Structures are given as structure tokens and as C-alpha cells.
Amino acid sequence: MGALSSTTVREAARAGQPWQALVPVETAVFLRAALPYSAPVYLPDGEEIDVYGLRLALIDAAAAGRLDPGADFAALCHQARASTLEGKRLRAWLAGDARADAPA
């Protein structure tokens, strides 16, 4: 595999073009799970969320010791994207709302 910039992969992903062959298999797996190049998602109530931004906020919370070390990170990422009350509470907690409960 030759030299390739992340810009090329990012532009292909955002344009809906095939990008998987441009990166190693492990990178493709990560990109599918983390969604770093995805457009904002709009929940049914109109709330706009940044899926990758939520993932980064969860990583920051874990690094700061604000998450239970045994927490299921993938499940928390899924919950943070959900249009459920739990998802809304988690997003509020990640945004620093002191009234929001920490994730269980």
C-alpha cells in the first residue's frame, strides 16, 4: 500500500464512495465502529448529534476517571447515539450538565 493521506480517505467516506480498500483491514474496522467521518445525525426530536464527538467525550470521561473502569465502552457509545431518555441523559452528562446522572 502506497502513501495515502487521511484527507483522501475522509473525502471518499463523506462522499459515500468506497474507501475500505484504501486502508488496512484494522483501520477499516475502526472507522466503521467509530464513525469519525460521519455527518451529524438528527434524532427524531430534531436534536443534532456528532457521533464521533460523543465517542471522544466518552474517551475523555474515561481518561478523567469519570466512568466506571468496567463500563462497556461500545454499549456507552451506542447509548450516547440513542434517541432514548437514557441517551439524552448521557449526552447531557457528557456536556457537563451537573444535573445529569453519571452513566451506570
PDB file of N, CA and C in Angstrom:
ATOM      1  N   MET A   1       0.856  -1.167   0.000  1.00  0.00           N
ATOM      2  CA  MET A   1       0.000   0.000   0.000  1.00  0.00           C
ATOM      3  C   MET A   1       0.903   1.232   0.000  1.00  0.00           C
ATOM      4  N   GLY A   2       0.680   2.154  -0.911  1.00  0.00           N
ATOM      5  CA  GLY A   2       1.498   3.352  -1.019  1.00  0.00           C
ATOM      6  C   GLY A   2       1.077   4.419  -0.038  1.00  0.00           C
ATOM      7  N   ALA A   3       1.760   5.556  -0.143  1.00  0.00           N
ATOM      8  CA  ALA A   3       1.439   6.686   0.733  1.00  0.00           C
ATOM      9  C   ALA A   3       0.031   7.181   0.433  1.00  0.00           C
ATOM     10  N   LEU A   4      -0.703   7.465   1.473  1.00  0.00           N
ATOM     11  CA  LEU A   4      -2.087   7.900   1.328  1.00  0.00           C
ATOM     12  C   LEU A   4      -2.407   8.864   2.446  1.00  0.00           C
ATOM     13  N   SER A   5      -3.045   9.942   2.110  1.00  0.00           N
ATOM     14  CA  SER A   5      -3.398  10.888   3.166  1.00  0.00           C
ATOM     15  C   SER A   5      -4.758  10.544   3.751  1.00  0.00           C
ATOM     16  N   SER A   6      -4.934  10.914   5.002  1.00  0.00           N
ATOM     17  CA  SER A   6      -6.234  10.696   5.630  1.00  0.00           C
ATOM     18  C   SER A   6      -7.299  11.546   4.954  1.00  0.00           C
ATOM     19  N   THR A   7      -6.883  12.642   4.338  1.00  0.00           N
ATOM     20  CA  THR A   7      -7.837  13.509   3.639  1.00  0.00           C
ATOM     21  C   THR A   7      -8.516  12.748   2.510  1.00  0.00           C
ATOM     22  N   THR A   8      -7.758  11.939   1.781  1.00  0.00           N
ATOM     23  CA  THR A   8      -8.328  11.159   0.681  1.00  0.00           C
ATOM     24  C   THR A   8      -9.373  10.186   1.196  1.00  0.00           C
ATOM     25  N   VAL A   9      -9.052   9.500   2.289  1.00  0.00           N
ATOM     26  CA  VAL A   9      -9.990   8.538   2.876  1.00  0.00           C
ATOM     27  C   VAL A   9     -11.216   9.272   3.404  1.00  0.00           C
ATOM     28  N   ARG A  10     -10.997  10.361   4.122  1.00  0.00           N
ATOM     29  CA  ARG A  10     -12.101  11.149   4.697  1.00  0.00           C
ATOM     30  C   ARG A  10     -13.028  11.667   3.602  1.00  0.00           C
ATOM     31  N   GLU A  11     -12.467  12.208   2.530  1.00  0.00           N
ATOM     32  CA  GLU A  11     -13.293  12.736   1.440  1.00  0.00           C
ATOM     33  C   GLU A  11     -14.088  11.633   0.763  1.00  0.00           C
ATOM     34  N   ALA A  12     -13.479  10.476   0.569  1.00  0.00           N
ATOM     35  CA  ALA A  12     -14.198   9.347  -0.033  1.00  0.00           C
ATOM     36  C   ALA A  12     -15.333   8.891   0.876  1.00  0.00           C
ATOM     37  N   ALA A  13     -15.065   8.775   2.169  1.00  0.00           N
ATOM     38  CA  ALA A  13     -16.095   8.329   3.114  1.00  0.00           C
ATOM     39  C   ALA A  13     -17.254   9.311   3.160  1.00  0.00           C
ATOM     40  N   ARG A  14     -16.947  10.596   3.241  1.00  0.00           N
ATOM     41  CA  ARG A  14     -18.006  11.612   3.316  1.00  0.00           C
ATOM     42  C   ARG A  14     -18.813  11.690   2.035  1.00  0.00           C
ATOM     43  N   ALA A  15     -18.188  11.354   0.898  1.00  0.00           N
ATOM     44  CA  ALA A  15     -18.883  11.399  -0.384  1.00  0.00           C
ATOM     45  C   ALA A  15     -19.643  10.113  -0.664  1.00  0.00           C
ATOM     46  N   GLY A  16     -19.549   9.147   0.258  1.00  0.00           N
ATOM     47  CA  GLY A  16     -20.245   7.877   0.058  1.00  0.00           C
ATOM     48  C   GLY A  16     -19.549   6.976  -0.947  1.00  0.00           C
ATOM     49  N   GLN A  17     -18.298   7.259  -1.236  1.00  0.00           N
ATOM     50  CA  GLN A  17     -17.526   6.450  -2.179  1.00  0.00           C
ATOM     51  C   GLN A  17     -16.793   5.350  -1.419  1.00  0.00           C
ATOM     52  N   PRO A  18     -16.447   4.275  -2.127  1.00  0.00           N
ATOM     53  CA  PRO A  18     -15.720   3.193  -1.456  1.00  0.00           C
ATOM     54  C   PRO A  18     -14.370   3.687  -0.945  1.00  0.00           C
ATOM     55  N   TRP A  19     -14.074   3.394   0.290  1.00  0.00           N
ATOM     56  CA  TRP A  19     -12.814   3.813   0.905  1.00  0.00           C
ATOM     57  C   TRP A  19     -12.107   2.643   1.578  1.00  0.00           C
ATOM     58  N   GLN A  20     -12.813   1.535   1.767  1.00  0.00           N
ATOM     59  CA  GLN A  20     -12.300   0.409   2.545  1.00  0.00           C
ATOM     60  C   GLN A  20     -10.994  -0.144   1.976  1.00  0.00           C
ATOM     61  N   ALA A  21     -10.851  -0.166   0.664  1.00  0.00           N
ATOM     62  CA  ALA A  21      -9.639  -0.717   0.050  1.00  0.00           C
ATOM     63  C   ALA A  21      -8.448   0.232   0.195  1.00  0.00           C
ATOM     64  N   LEU A  22      -8.698   1.458   0.633  1.00  0.00           N
ATOM     65  CA  LEU A  22      -7.631   2.447   0.771  1.00  0.00           C
ATOM     66  C   LEU A  22      -6.865   2.319   2.085  1.00  0.00           C
ATOM     67  N   VAL A  23      -7.402   1.538   3.017  1.00  0.00           N
ATOM     68  CA  VAL A  23      -6.807   1.446   4.354  1.00  0.00           C
ATOM     69  C   VAL A  23      -6.627  -0.018   4.755  1.00  0.00           C
ATOM     70  N   PRO A  24      -5.751  -0.274   5.723  1.00  0.00           N
ATOM     71  CA  PRO A  24      -5.622  -1.644   6.237  1.00  0.00           C
ATOM     72  C   PRO A  24      -6.949  -2.109   6.863  1.00  0.00           C
ATOM     73  N   VAL A  25      -7.123  -3.412   6.912  1.00  0.00           N
ATOM     74  CA  VAL A  25      -8.357  -4.003   7.446  1.00  0.00           C
ATOM     75  C   VAL A  25      -8.661  -3.489   8.847  1.00  0.00           C
ATOM     76  N   GLU A  26      -7.646  -3.414   9.704  1.00  0.00           N
ATOM     77  CA  GLU A  26      -7.853  -2.959  11.082  1.00  0.00           C
ATOM     78  C   GLU A  26      -8.366  -1.516  11.121  1.00  0.00           C
ATOM     79  N   THR A  27      -7.871  -0.704  10.227  1.00  0.00           N
ATOM     80  CA  THR A  27      -8.318   0.685  10.155  1.00  0.00           C
ATOM     81  C   THR A  27      -9.767   0.753   9.692  1.00  0.00           C
ATOM     82  N   ALA A  28     -10.110  -0.059   8.721  1.00  0.00           N
ATOM     83  CA  ALA A  28     -11.492  -0.089   8.221  1.00  0.00           C
ATOM     84  C   ALA A  28     -12.452  -0.506   9.334  1.00  0.00           C
ATOM     85  N   VAL A  29     -12.063  -1.488  10.142  1.00  0.00           N
ATOM     86  CA  VAL A  29     -12.899  -1.933  11.259  1.00  0.00           C
ATOM     87  C   VAL A  29     -13.112  -0.774  12.229  1.00  0.00           C
ATOM     88  N   PHE A  30     -12.028  -0.072  12.569  1.00  0.00           N
ATOM     89  CA  PHE A  30     -12.141   1.067  13.472  1.00  0.00           C
ATOM     90  C   PHE A  30     -13.036   2.155  12.885  1.00  0.00           C
ATOM     91  N   LEU A  31     -12.833   2.494  11.625  1.00  0.00           N
ATOM     92  CA  LEU A  31     -13.613   3.564  11.007  1.00  0.00           C
ATOM     93  C   LEU A  31     -15.103   3.230  10.950  1.00  0.00           C
ATOM     94  N   ARG A  32     -15.419   1.959  10.718  1.00  0.00           N
ATOM     95  CA  ARG A  32     -16.835   1.554  10.714  1.00  0.00           C
ATOM     96  C   ARG A  32     -17.455   1.672  12.104  1.00  0.00           C
ATOM     97  N   ALA A  33     -16.681   1.384  13.132  1.00  0.00           N
ATOM     98  CA  ALA A  33     -17.200   1.425  14.505  1.00  0.00           C
ATOM     99  C   ALA A  33     -17.233   2.841  15.064  1.00  0.00           C
ATOM    100  N   ALA A  34     -16.176   3.615  14.816  1.00  0.00           N
ATOM    101  CA  ALA A  34     -16.045   4.933  15.436  1.00  0.00           C
ATOM    102  C   ALA A  34     -16.768   6.037  14.662  1.00  0.00           C
ATOM    103  N   LEU A  35     -16.952   5.854  13.374  1.00  0.00           N
ATOM    104  CA  LEU A  35     -17.645   6.820  12.510  1.00  0.00           C
ATOM    105  C   LEU A  35     -17.043   8.235  12.562  1.00  0.00           C
ATOM    106  N   PRO A  36     -15.701   8.341  12.479  1.00  0.00           N
ATOM    107  CA  PRO A  36     -15.099   9.676  12.590  1.00  0.00           C
ATOM    108  C   PRO A  36     -15.430  10.605  11.437  1.00  0.00           C
ATOM    109  N   TYR A  37     -15.804  10.075  10.300  1.00  0.00           N
ATOM    110  CA  TYR A  37     -16.066  10.912   9.133  1.00  0.00           C
ATOM    111  C   TYR A  37     -17.551  11.069   8.833  1.00  0.00           C
ATOM    112  N   SER A  38     -18.375  10.626   9.761  1.00  0.00           N
ATOM    113  CA  SER A  38     -19.816  10.684   9.512  1.00  0.00           C
ATOM    114  C   SER A  38     -20.357  12.100   9.682  1.00  0.00           C
ATOM    115  N   ALA A  39     -21.393  12.374   8.955  1.00  0.00           N
ATOM    116  CA  ALA A  39     -22.087  13.661   9.071  1.00  0.00           C
ATOM    117  C   ALA A  39     -22.876  13.669  10.376  1.00  0.00           C
ATOM    118  N   PRO A  40     -23.251  14.842  10.857  1.00  0.00           N
ATOM    119  CA  PRO A  40     -24.088  14.877  12.065  1.00  0.00           C
ATOM    120  C   PRO A  40     -25.363  14.058  11.858  1.00  0.00           C
ATOM    121  N   VAL A  41     -25.833  13.476  12.936  1.00  0.00           N
ATOM    122  CA  VAL A  41     -27.052  12.667  12.911  1.00  0.00           C
ATOM    123  C   VAL A  41     -28.168  13.486  13.554  1.00  0.00           C
ATOM    124  N   TYR A  42     -29.342  13.416  12.970  1.00  0.00           N
ATOM    125  CA  TYR A  42     -30.501  14.111  13.529  1.00  0.00           C
ATOM    126  C   TYR A  42     -31.443  13.074  14.120  1.00  0.00           C
ATOM    127  N   LEU A  43     -31.709  13.210  15.401  1.00  0.00           N
ATOM    128  CA  LEU A  43     -32.623  12.301  16.081  1.00  0.00           C
ATOM    129  C   LEU A  43     -34.057  12.709  15.775  1.00  0.00           C
ATOM    130  N   PRO A  44     -35.018  11.822  16.030  1.00  0.00           N
ATOM    131  CA  PRO A  44     -36.418  12.133  15.707  1.00  0.00           C
ATOM    132  C   PRO A  44     -36.939  13.429  16.315  1.00  0.00           C
ATOM    133  N   ASP A  45     -36.376  13.831  17.478  1.00  0.00           N
ATOM    134  CA  ASP A  45     -36.853  15.070  18.100  1.00  0.00           C
ATOM    135  C   ASP A  45     -36.145  16.306  17.534  1.00  0.00           C
ATOM    136  N   GLY A  46     -35.291  16.096  16.523  1.00  0.00           N
ATOM    137  CA  GLY A  46     -34.589  17.200  15.885  1.00  0.00           C
ATOM    138  C   GLY A  46     -33.216  17.482  16.450  1.00  0.00           C
ATOM    139  N   GLU A  47     -32.867  16.817  17.564  1.00  0.00           N
ATOM    140  CA  GLU A  47     -31.539  17.032  18.157  1.00  0.00           C
ATOM    141  C   GLU A  47     -30.467  16.564  17.179  1.00  0.00           C
ATOM    142  N   GLU A  48     -29.453  17.387  17.007  1.00  0.00           N
ATOM    143  CA  GLU A  48     -28.315  17.047  16.154  1.00  0.00           C
ATOM    144  C   GLU A  48     -27.200  16.523  17.033  1.00  0.00           C
ATOM    145  N   ILE A  49     -26.652  15.373  16.665  1.00  0.00           N
ATOM    146  CA  ILE A  49     -25.543  14.829  17.444  1.00  0.00           C
ATOM    147  C   ILE A  49     -24.355  14.542  16.535  1.00  0.00           C
ATOM    148  N   ASP A  50     -23.185  14.688  17.105  1.00  0.00           N
ATOM    149  CA  ASP A  50     -21.918  14.378  16.448  1.00  0.00           C
ATOM    150  C   ASP A  50     -21.463  13.040  17.024  1.00  0.00           C
ATOM    151  N   VAL A  51     -21.636  11.979  16.264  1.00  0.00           N
ATOM    152  CA  VAL A  51     -21.353  10.630  16.752  1.00  0.00           C
ATOM    153  C   VAL A  51     -19.903  10.501  17.205  1.00  0.00           C
ATOM    154  N   TYR A  52     -18.976  10.967  16.412  1.00  0.00           N
ATOM    155  CA  TYR A  52     -17.570  10.851  16.775  1.00  0.00           C
ATOM    156  C   TYR A  52     -17.245  11.754  17.959  1.00  0.00           C
ATOM    157  N   GLY A  53     -17.849  12.923  18.008  1.00  0.00           N
ATOM    158  CA  GLY A  53     -17.646  13.824  19.140  1.00  0.00           C
ATOM    159  C   GLY A  53     -18.101  13.190  20.446  1.00  0.00           C
ATOM    160  N   LEU A  54     -19.204  12.449  20.397  1.00  0.00           N
ATOM    161  CA  LEU A  54     -19.676  11.744  21.591  1.00  0.00           C
ATOM    162  C   LEU A  54     -18.677  10.667  22.018  1.00  0.00           C
ATOM    163  N   ARG A  55     -18.130   9.964  21.036  1.00  0.00           N
ATOM    164  CA  ARG A  55     -17.114   8.944  21.332  1.00  0.00           C
ATOM    165  C   ARG A  55     -15.915   9.589  22.018  1.00  0.00           C
ATOM    166  N   LEU A  56     -15.456  10.722  21.478  1.00  0.00           N
ATOM    167  CA  LEU A  56     -14.322  11.423  22.077  1.00  0.00           C
ATOM    168  C   LEU A  56     -14.642  11.905  23.487  1.00  0.00           C
ATOM    169  N   ALA A  57     -15.868  12.367  23.704  1.00  0.00           N
ATOM    170  CA  ALA A  57     -16.276  12.813  25.041  1.00  0.00           C
ATOM    171  C   ALA A  57     -16.263  11.638  26.018  1.00  0.00           C
ATOM    172  N   LEU A  58     -16.670  10.469  25.565  1.00  0.00           N
ATOM    173  CA  LEU A  58     -16.624   9.281  26.420  1.00  0.00           C
ATOM    174  C   LEU A  58     -15.174   8.894  26.736  1.00  0.00           C
ATOM    175  N   ILE A  59     -14.295   9.005  25.751  1.00  0.00           N
ATOM    176  CA  ILE A  59     -12.880   8.710  25.988  1.00  0.00           C
ATOM    177  C   ILE A  59     -12.317   9.697  27.012  1.00  0.00           C
ATOM    178  N   ASP A  60     -12.645  10.966  26.856  1.00  0.00           N
ATOM    179  CA  ASP A  60     -12.187  11.973  27.814  1.00  0.00           C
ATOM    180  C   ASP A  60     -12.700  11.672  29.218  1.00  0.00           C
ATOM    181  N   ALA A  61     -13.979  11.284  29.313  1.00  0.00           N
ATOM    182  CA  ALA A  61     -14.568  10.962  30.621  1.00  0.00           C
ATOM    183  C   ALA A  61     -13.872   9.759  31.238  1.00  0.00           C
ATOM    184  N   ALA A  62     -13.554   8.766  30.416  1.00  0.00           N
ATOM    185  CA  ALA A  62     -12.855   7.582  30.924  1.00  0.00           C
ATOM    186  C   ALA A  62     -11.447   7.955  31.388  1.00  0.00           C
ATOM    187  N   ALA A  63     -10.751   8.775  30.598  1.00  0.00           N
ATOM    188  CA  ALA A  63      -9.390   9.182  30.951  1.00  0.00           C
ATOM    189  C   ALA A  63      -9.365  10.008  32.235  1.00  0.00           C
ATOM    190  N   ALA A  64     -10.432  10.756  32.472  1.00  0.00           N
ATOM    191  CA  ALA A  64     -10.519  11.582  33.677  1.00  0.00           C
ATOM    192  C   ALA A  64     -11.029  10.796  34.883  1.00  0.00           C
ATOM    193  N   GLY A  65     -11.304   9.503  34.690  1.00  0.00           N
ATOM    194  CA  GLY A  65     -11.784   8.677  35.793  1.00  0.00           C
ATOM    195  C   GLY A  65     -13.246   8.903  36.121  1.00  0.00           C
ATOM    196  N   ARG A  66     -13.989   9.506  35.213  1.00  0.00           N
ATOM    197  CA  ARG A  66     -15.407   9.777  35.453  1.00  0.00           C
ATOM    198  C   ARG A  66     -16.293   8.599  35.067  1.00  0.00           C
ATOM    199  N   LEU A  67     -15.752   7.609  34.382  1.00  0.00           N
ATOM    200  CA  LEU A  67     -16.511   6.415  34.003  1.00  0.00           C
ATOM    201  C   LEU A  67     -16.032   5.233  34.832  1.00  0.00           C
ATOM    202  N   ASP A  68     -16.940   4.329  35.116  1.00  0.00           N
ATOM    203  CA  ASP A  68     -16.591   3.082  35.779  1.00  0.00           C
ATOM    204  C   ASP A  68     -15.585   2.350  34.881  1.00  0.00           C
ATOM    205  N   PRO A  69     -14.421   1.949  35.418  1.00  0.00           N
ATOM    206  CA  PRO A  69     -13.417   1.270  34.597  1.00  0.00           C
ATOM    207  C   PRO A  69     -13.941  -0.001  33.927  1.00  0.00           C
ATOM    208  N   GLY A  70     -14.969  -0.601  34.503  1.00  0.00           N
ATOM    209  CA  GLY A  70     -15.527  -1.815  33.923  1.00  0.00           C
ATOM    210  C   GLY A  70     -16.672  -1.560  32.951  1.00  0.00           C
ATOM    211  N   ALA A  71     -16.931  -0.280  32.656  1.00  0.00           N
ATOM    212  CA  ALA A  71     -18.050   0.060  31.772  1.00  0.00           C
ATOM    213  C   ALA A  71     -17.824  -0.500  30.374  1.00  0.00           C
ATOM    214  N   ASP A  72     -18.903  -0.892  29.737  1.00  0.00           N
ATOM    215  CA  ASP A  72     -18.870  -1.403  28.370  1.00  0.00           C
ATOM    216  C   ASP A  72     -18.839  -0.195  27.433  1.00  0.00           C
ATOM    217  N   PHE A  73     -17.651   0.117  26.921  1.00  0.00           N
ATOM    218  CA  PHE A  73     -17.465   1.327  26.112  1.00  0.00           C
ATOM    219  C   PHE A  73     -18.330   1.306  24.852  1.00  0.00           C
ATOM    220  N   ALA A  74     -18.391   0.178  24.173  1.00  0.00           N
ATOM    221  CA  ALA A  74     -19.208   0.083  22.957  1.00  0.00           C
ATOM    222  C   ALA A  74     -20.679   0.334  23.277  1.00  0.00           C
ATOM    223  N   ALA A  75     -21.147  -0.218  24.392  1.00  0.00           N
ATOM    224  CA  ALA A  75     -22.548  -0.004  24.783  1.00  0.00           C
ATOM    225  C   ALA A  75     -22.800   1.464  25.110  1.00  0.00           C
ATOM    226  N   LEU A  76     -21.836   2.118  25.763  1.00  0.00           N
ATOM    227  CA  LEU A  76     -21.996   3.543  26.068  1.00  0.00           C
ATOM    228  C   LEU A  76     -22.016   4.386  24.796  1.00  0.00           C
ATOM    229  N   CYS A  77     -21.182   4.031  23.826  1.00  0.00           N
ATOM    230  CA  CYS A  77     -21.203   4.741  22.531  1.00  0.00           C
ATOM    231  C   CYS A  77     -22.568   4.594  21.878  1.00  0.00           C
ATOM    232  N   HIS A  78     -23.108   3.391  21.913  1.00  0.00           N
ATOM    233  CA  HIS A  78     -24.430   3.140  21.334  1.00  0.00           C
ATOM    234  C   HIS A  78     -25.498   3.937  22.091  1.00  0.00           C
ATOM    235  N   GLN A  79     -25.430   3.911  23.408  1.00  0.00           N
ATOM    236  CA  GLN A  79     -26.399   4.635  24.230  1.00  0.00           C
ATOM    237  C   GLN A  79     -26.315   6.136  23.950  1.00  0.00           C
ATOM    238  N   ALA A  80     -25.119   6.665  23.796  1.00  0.00           N
ATOM    239  CA  ALA A  80     -24.949   8.098  23.562  1.00  0.00           C
ATOM    240  C   ALA A  80     -25.583   8.550  22.249  1.00  0.00           C
ATOM    241  N   ARG A  81     -25.709   7.630  21.297  1.00  0.00           N
ATOM    242  CA  ARG A  81     -26.319   7.955  19.992  1.00  0.00           C
ATOM    243  C   ARG A  81     -27.829   7.728  19.976  1.00  0.00           C
ATOM    244  N   ALA A  82     -28.357   7.116  21.016  1.00  0.00           N
ATOM    245  CA  ALA A  82     -29.761   6.709  21.026  1.00  0.00           C
ATOM    246  C   ALA A  82     -30.698   7.881  21.280  1.00  0.00           C
ATOM    247  N   SER A  83     -31.889   7.776  20.738  1.00  0.00           N
ATOM    248  CA  SER A  83     -32.904   8.817  20.935  1.00  0.00           C
ATOM    249  C   SER A  83     -33.737   8.556  22.182  1.00  0.00           C
ATOM    250  N   THR A  84     -33.242   7.702  23.059  1.00  0.00           N
ATOM    251  CA  THR A  84     -33.943   7.347  24.298  1.00  0.00           C
ATOM    252  C   THR A  84     -33.667   8.381  25.388  1.00  0.00           C
ATOM    253  N   LEU A  85     -34.420   8.289  26.466  1.00  0.00           N
ATOM    254  CA  LEU A  85     -34.189   9.158  27.620  1.00  0.00           C
ATOM    255  C   LEU A  85     -32.787   8.925  28.184  1.00  0.00           C
ATOM    256  N   GLU A  86     -32.354   7.662  28.220  1.00  0.00           N
ATOM    257  CA  GLU A  86     -31.014   7.347  28.718  1.00  0.00           C
ATOM    258  C   GLU A  86     -29.946   7.987  27.836  1.00  0.00           C
ATOM    259  N   GLY A  87     -30.166   7.964  26.531  1.00  0.00           N
ATOM    260  CA  GLY A  87     -29.223   8.591  25.614  1.00  0.00           C
ATOM    261  C   GLY A  87     -29.156  10.094  25.830  1.00  0.00           C
ATOM    262  N   LYS A  88     -30.308  10.707  26.006  1.00  0.00           N
ATOM    263  CA  LYS A  88     -30.364  12.152  26.256  1.00  0.00           C
ATOM    264  C   LYS A  88     -29.657  12.500  27.565  1.00  0.00           C
ATOM    265  N   ARG A  89     -29.860  11.679  28.592  1.00  0.00           N
ATOM    266  CA  ARG A  89     -29.197  11.911  29.885  1.00  0.00           C
ATOM    267  C   ARG A  89     -27.683  11.768  29.765  1.00  0.00           C
ATOM    268  N   LEU A  90     -27.244  10.756  29.025  1.00  0.00           N
ATOM    269  CA  LEU A  90     -25.816  10.547  28.841  1.00  0.00           C
ATOM    270  C   LEU A  90     -25.197  11.723  28.082  1.00  0.00           C
ATOM    271  N   ARG A  91     -25.854  12.187  27.043  1.00  0.00           N
ATOM    272  CA  ARG A  91     -25.338  13.336  26.295  1.00  0.00           C
ATOM    273  C   ARG A  91     -25.272  14.580  27.181  1.00  0.00           C
ATOM    274  N   ALA A  92     -26.262  14.774  28.038  1.00  0.00           N
ATOM    275  CA  ALA A  92     -26.252  15.917  28.958  1.00  0.00           C
ATOM    276  C   ALA A  92     -25.091  15.786  29.936  1.00  0.00           C
ATOM    277  N   TRP A  93     -24.868  14.593  30.466  1.00  0.00           N
ATOM    278  CA  TRP A  93     -23.767  14.358  31.397  1.00  0.00           C
ATOM    279  C   TRP A  93     -22.427  14.623  30.710  1.00  0.00           C
ATOM    280  N   LEU A  94     -22.277  14.133  29.484  1.00  0.00           N
ATOM    281  CA  LEU A  94     -21.036  14.358  28.743  1.00  0.00           C
ATOM    282  C   LEU A  94     -20.811  15.837  28.452  1.00  0.00           C
ATOM    283  N   ALA A  95     -21.890  16.574  28.289  1.00  0.00           N
ATOM    284  CA  ALA A  95     -21.791  18.005  28.012  1.00  0.00           C
ATOM    285  C   ALA A  95     -21.522  18.808  29.286  1.00  0.00           C
ATOM    286  N   GLY A  96     -21.489  18.133  30.436  1.00  0.00           N
ATOM    287  CA  GLY A  96     -21.159  18.808  31.682  1.00  0.00           C
ATOM    288  C   GLY A  96     -22.349  19.321  32.462  1.00  0.00           C
ATOM    289  N   ASP A  97     -23.548  18.853  32.129  1.00  0.00           N
ATOM    290  CA  ASP A  97     -24.747  19.270  32.865  1.00  0.00           C
ATOM    291  C   ASP A  97     -24.670  18.646  34.264  1.00  0.00           C
ATOM    292  N   ALA A  98     -24.488  19.461  35.260  1.00  0.00           N
ATOM    293  CA  ALA A  98     -24.349  18.989  36.639  1.00  0.00           C
ATOM    294  C   ALA A  98     -25.615  18.288  37.140  1.00  0.00           C
ATOM    295  N   ARG A  99     -26.730  18.529  36.513  1.00  0.00           N
ATOM    296  CA  ARG A  99     -27.986  17.907  36.935  1.00  0.00           C
ATOM    297  C   ARG A  99     -28.135  16.490  36.375  1.00  0.00           C
ATOM    298  N   ALA A 100     -27.323  16.150  35.381  1.00  0.00           N
ATOM    299  CA  ALA A 100     -27.427  14.830  34.737  1.00  0.00           C
ATOM    300  C   ALA A 100     -26.688  13.789  35.560  1.00  0.00           C
ATOM    301  N   ASP A 101     -27.268  12.604  35.606  1.00  0.00           N
ATOM    302  CA  ASP A 101     -26.656  11.487  36.339  1.00  0.00           C
ATOM    303  C   ASP A 101     -25.526  10.876  35.507  1.00  0.00           C
ATOM    304  N   ALA A 102     -24.501  10.400  36.201  1.00  0.00           N
ATOM    305  CA  ALA A 102     -23.426   9.671  35.552  1.00  0.00           C
ATOM    306  C   ALA A 102     -23.982   8.351  35.006  1.00  0.00           C
ATOM    307  N   PRO A 103     -23.394   7.851  33.926  1.00  0.00           N
ATOM    308  CA  PRO A 103     -23.878   6.576  33.363  1.00  0.00           C
ATOM    309  C   PRO A 103     -23.656   5.431  34.337  1.00  0.00           C
ATOM    310  N   ALA A 104     -24.556   4.476  34.284  1.00  0.00           N
ATOM    311  CA  ALA A 104     -24.470   3.311  35.176  1.00  0.00           C
ATOM    312  C   ALA A 104     -23.533   2.285  34.594  1.00  0.00           C
TER     313      ALA A 104
END
